[in-house]
Amino acid sequence: MKDKSTKKVPNVSIDGTLPHQIDAPDFKQSNRQMQLPFVNEFGVVIGDSFYDSSQSPLNQWSTETDPSVMAGDRWVHPTNDIGWNTTENREILEGIPPKAAPFMHPTKDVSHKND
């Protein structure tokens, strides 16, 4: 079995942008730098824009699977996450301060069809 930490991950950014995503942010004008994809403890590449992996617990789900294994920062890439495509997060990259508190709803996906 191949060591998960040495798994080769592709760089999906081009010149500080993610051209394969509609409305992707431009990190060239930001004080943040694009970060390479990483391999989490499950051997799943995070941040490669494919969002699917045979090693993912989602692809091996059973009644014994604890849903908490899919929670936390180990599943979110700091610069290649669909959340950066929202207007509010793009404004953060451009140095525009948030106008109000972020809207979060416990049962509604407020970003539905915004990507």
Protein backbone atom coordinates (compact mmCIF):
# COMPACT_ATOMS: atom_id res chain seq x y z
CA MET A 1 0.00 0.00 0.00
CA LYS A 2 1.33 3.42 -0.94
CA ASP A 3 2.02 5.87 1.90
CA LYS A 4 -0.83 8.41 1.90
CA SER A 5 1.47 11.33 2.67
CA THR A 6 3.55 10.77 -0.49
CA LYS A 7 0.60 10.63 -2.89
CA LYS A 8 1.28 12.93 -5.88
CA VAL A 9 -1.24 15.75 -6.11
CA PRO A 10 -1.76 17.98 -9.15
CA ASN A 11 -1.51 21.76 -9.08
CA VAL A 12 -4.86 22.85 -10.55
CA SER A 13 -4.23 26.60 -10.39
CA ILE A 14 -2.90 28.65 -13.27
CA ASP A 15 -1.25 31.96 -12.49
CA GLY A 16 -3.11 32.44 -9.20
CA THR A 17 -6.57 31.53 -10.51
CA LEU A 18 -8.75 28.47 -10.95
CA PRO A 19 -9.86 28.88 -14.57
CA HIS A 20 -11.87 25.65 -14.55
CA GLN A 21 -14.37 27.18 -12.10
CA ILE A 22 -16.90 29.79 -13.17
CA ASP A 23 -16.48 32.97 -11.11
CA ALA A 24 -13.42 31.57 -9.34
CA PRO A 25 -11.52 34.15 -7.30
CA ASP A 26 -8.32 35.77 -8.49
CA PHE A 27 -5.66 35.30 -5.83
CA LYS A 28 -3.11 37.38 -7.77
CA GLN A 29 -4.58 40.62 -6.37
CA SER A 30 -4.89 39.21 -2.84
CA ASN A 31 -2.51 38.95 0.08
CA ARG A 32 -3.28 35.20 0.13
CA GLN A 33 -1.33 32.74 -1.98
CA MET A 34 -2.88 29.79 -3.77
CA GLN A 35 -2.04 26.58 -1.94
CA LEU A 36 -1.44 23.18 -3.45
CA PRO A 37 -3.92 20.36 -2.92
CA PHE A 38 -3.15 18.11 0.04
CA VAL A 39 -3.80 14.51 1.02
CA ASN A 40 -5.78 14.10 4.23
CA GLU A 41 -5.48 11.25 6.71
CA PHE A 42 -7.88 9.11 4.66
CA GLY A 43 -5.72 9.33 1.55
CA VAL A 44 -8.20 11.67 -0.15
CA VAL A 45 -6.81 14.55 -2.22
CA ILE A 46 -8.40 17.80 -1.05
CA GLY A 47 -8.34 20.81 -3.36
CA ASP A 48 -7.91 19.06 -6.72
CA SER A 49 -11.41 20.08 -7.90
CA PHE A 50 -12.48 16.48 -8.58
CA TYR A 51 -14.43 16.09 -5.31
CA ASP A 52 -14.45 12.32 -5.56
CA SER A 53 -12.08 9.65 -4.38
CA SER A 54 -12.34 5.90 -3.91
CA GLN A 55 -10.69 6.41 -0.49
CA SER A 56 -13.42 8.81 0.68
CA PRO A 57 -15.70 7.61 3.47
CA LEU A 58 -18.58 8.75 1.24
CA ASN A 59 -17.65 6.02 -1.23
CA GLN A 60 -17.38 3.40 1.51
CA TRP A 61 -20.43 4.39 3.54
CA SER A 62 -22.24 1.83 5.68
CA THR A 63 -24.53 1.80 8.70
CA GLU A 64 -21.41 1.52 10.86
CA THR A 65 -19.82 4.70 9.49
CA ASP A 66 -19.69 7.58 11.96
CA PRO A 67 -20.73 10.74 10.02
CA SER A 68 -18.30 12.83 12.07
CA VAL A 69 -15.41 11.40 10.00
CA MET A 70 -16.51 13.75 7.21
CA ALA A 71 -16.38 16.87 9.42
CA GLY A 72 -13.62 19.38 9.98
CA ASP A 73 -10.86 21.26 8.21
CA ARG A 74 -9.29 18.04 6.95
CA TRP A 75 -11.98 18.09 4.24
CA VAL A 76 -11.71 21.77 3.26
CA HIS A 77 -8.97 23.28 1.12
CA PRO A 78 -7.93 26.80 2.20
CA THR A 79 -7.86 28.29 -1.33
CA ASN A 80 -9.62 25.82 -3.64
CA ASP A 81 -12.97 25.49 -1.99
CA ILE A 82 -16.31 26.20 -3.64
CA GLY A 83 -17.00 28.77 -0.90
CA TRP A 84 -14.46 31.17 -2.44
CA ASN A 85 -16.80 31.57 -5.42
CA THR A 86 -19.34 33.57 -3.38
CA THR A 87 -19.41 37.34 -3.72
CA GLU A 88 -18.72 37.84 -0.01
CA ASN A 89 -15.60 35.69 -0.01
CA ARG A 90 -14.27 37.23 -3.25
CA GLU A 91 -14.67 40.65 -1.61
CA ILE A 92 -12.58 39.42 1.34
CA LEU A 93 -9.81 38.52 -1.12
CA GLU A 94 -10.07 42.00 -2.64
CA GLY A 95 -9.69 43.60 0.80
CA ILE A 96 -13.31 44.77 0.99
CA PRO A 97 -14.53 44.42 4.59
CA PRO A 98 -17.71 42.40 5.15
CA LYS A 99 -20.86 44.57 5.13
CA ALA A 100 -22.63 42.49 7.78
CA ALA A 101 -22.39 39.25 9.68
CA PRO A 102 -22.29 36.21 7.39
CA PHE A 103 -25.68 34.61 6.85
CA MET A 104 -25.80 31.02 7.98
CA HIS A 105 -28.93 28.91 8.08
CA PRO A 106 -29.10 25.54 9.82
CA THR A 107 -31.27 23.80 7.21
CA LYS A 108 -31.04 25.90 4.00
CA ASP A 109 -28.12 25.95 1.58
CA VAL A 110 -27.96 29.69 0.90
CA SER A 111 -25.28 29.18 -1.76
CA HIS A 112 -27.39 26.73 -3.79
CA LYS A 113 -26.82 27.30 -7.54
CA ASN A 114 -24.32 30.11 -6.89
CA ASP A 115 -21.38 28.15 -8.29
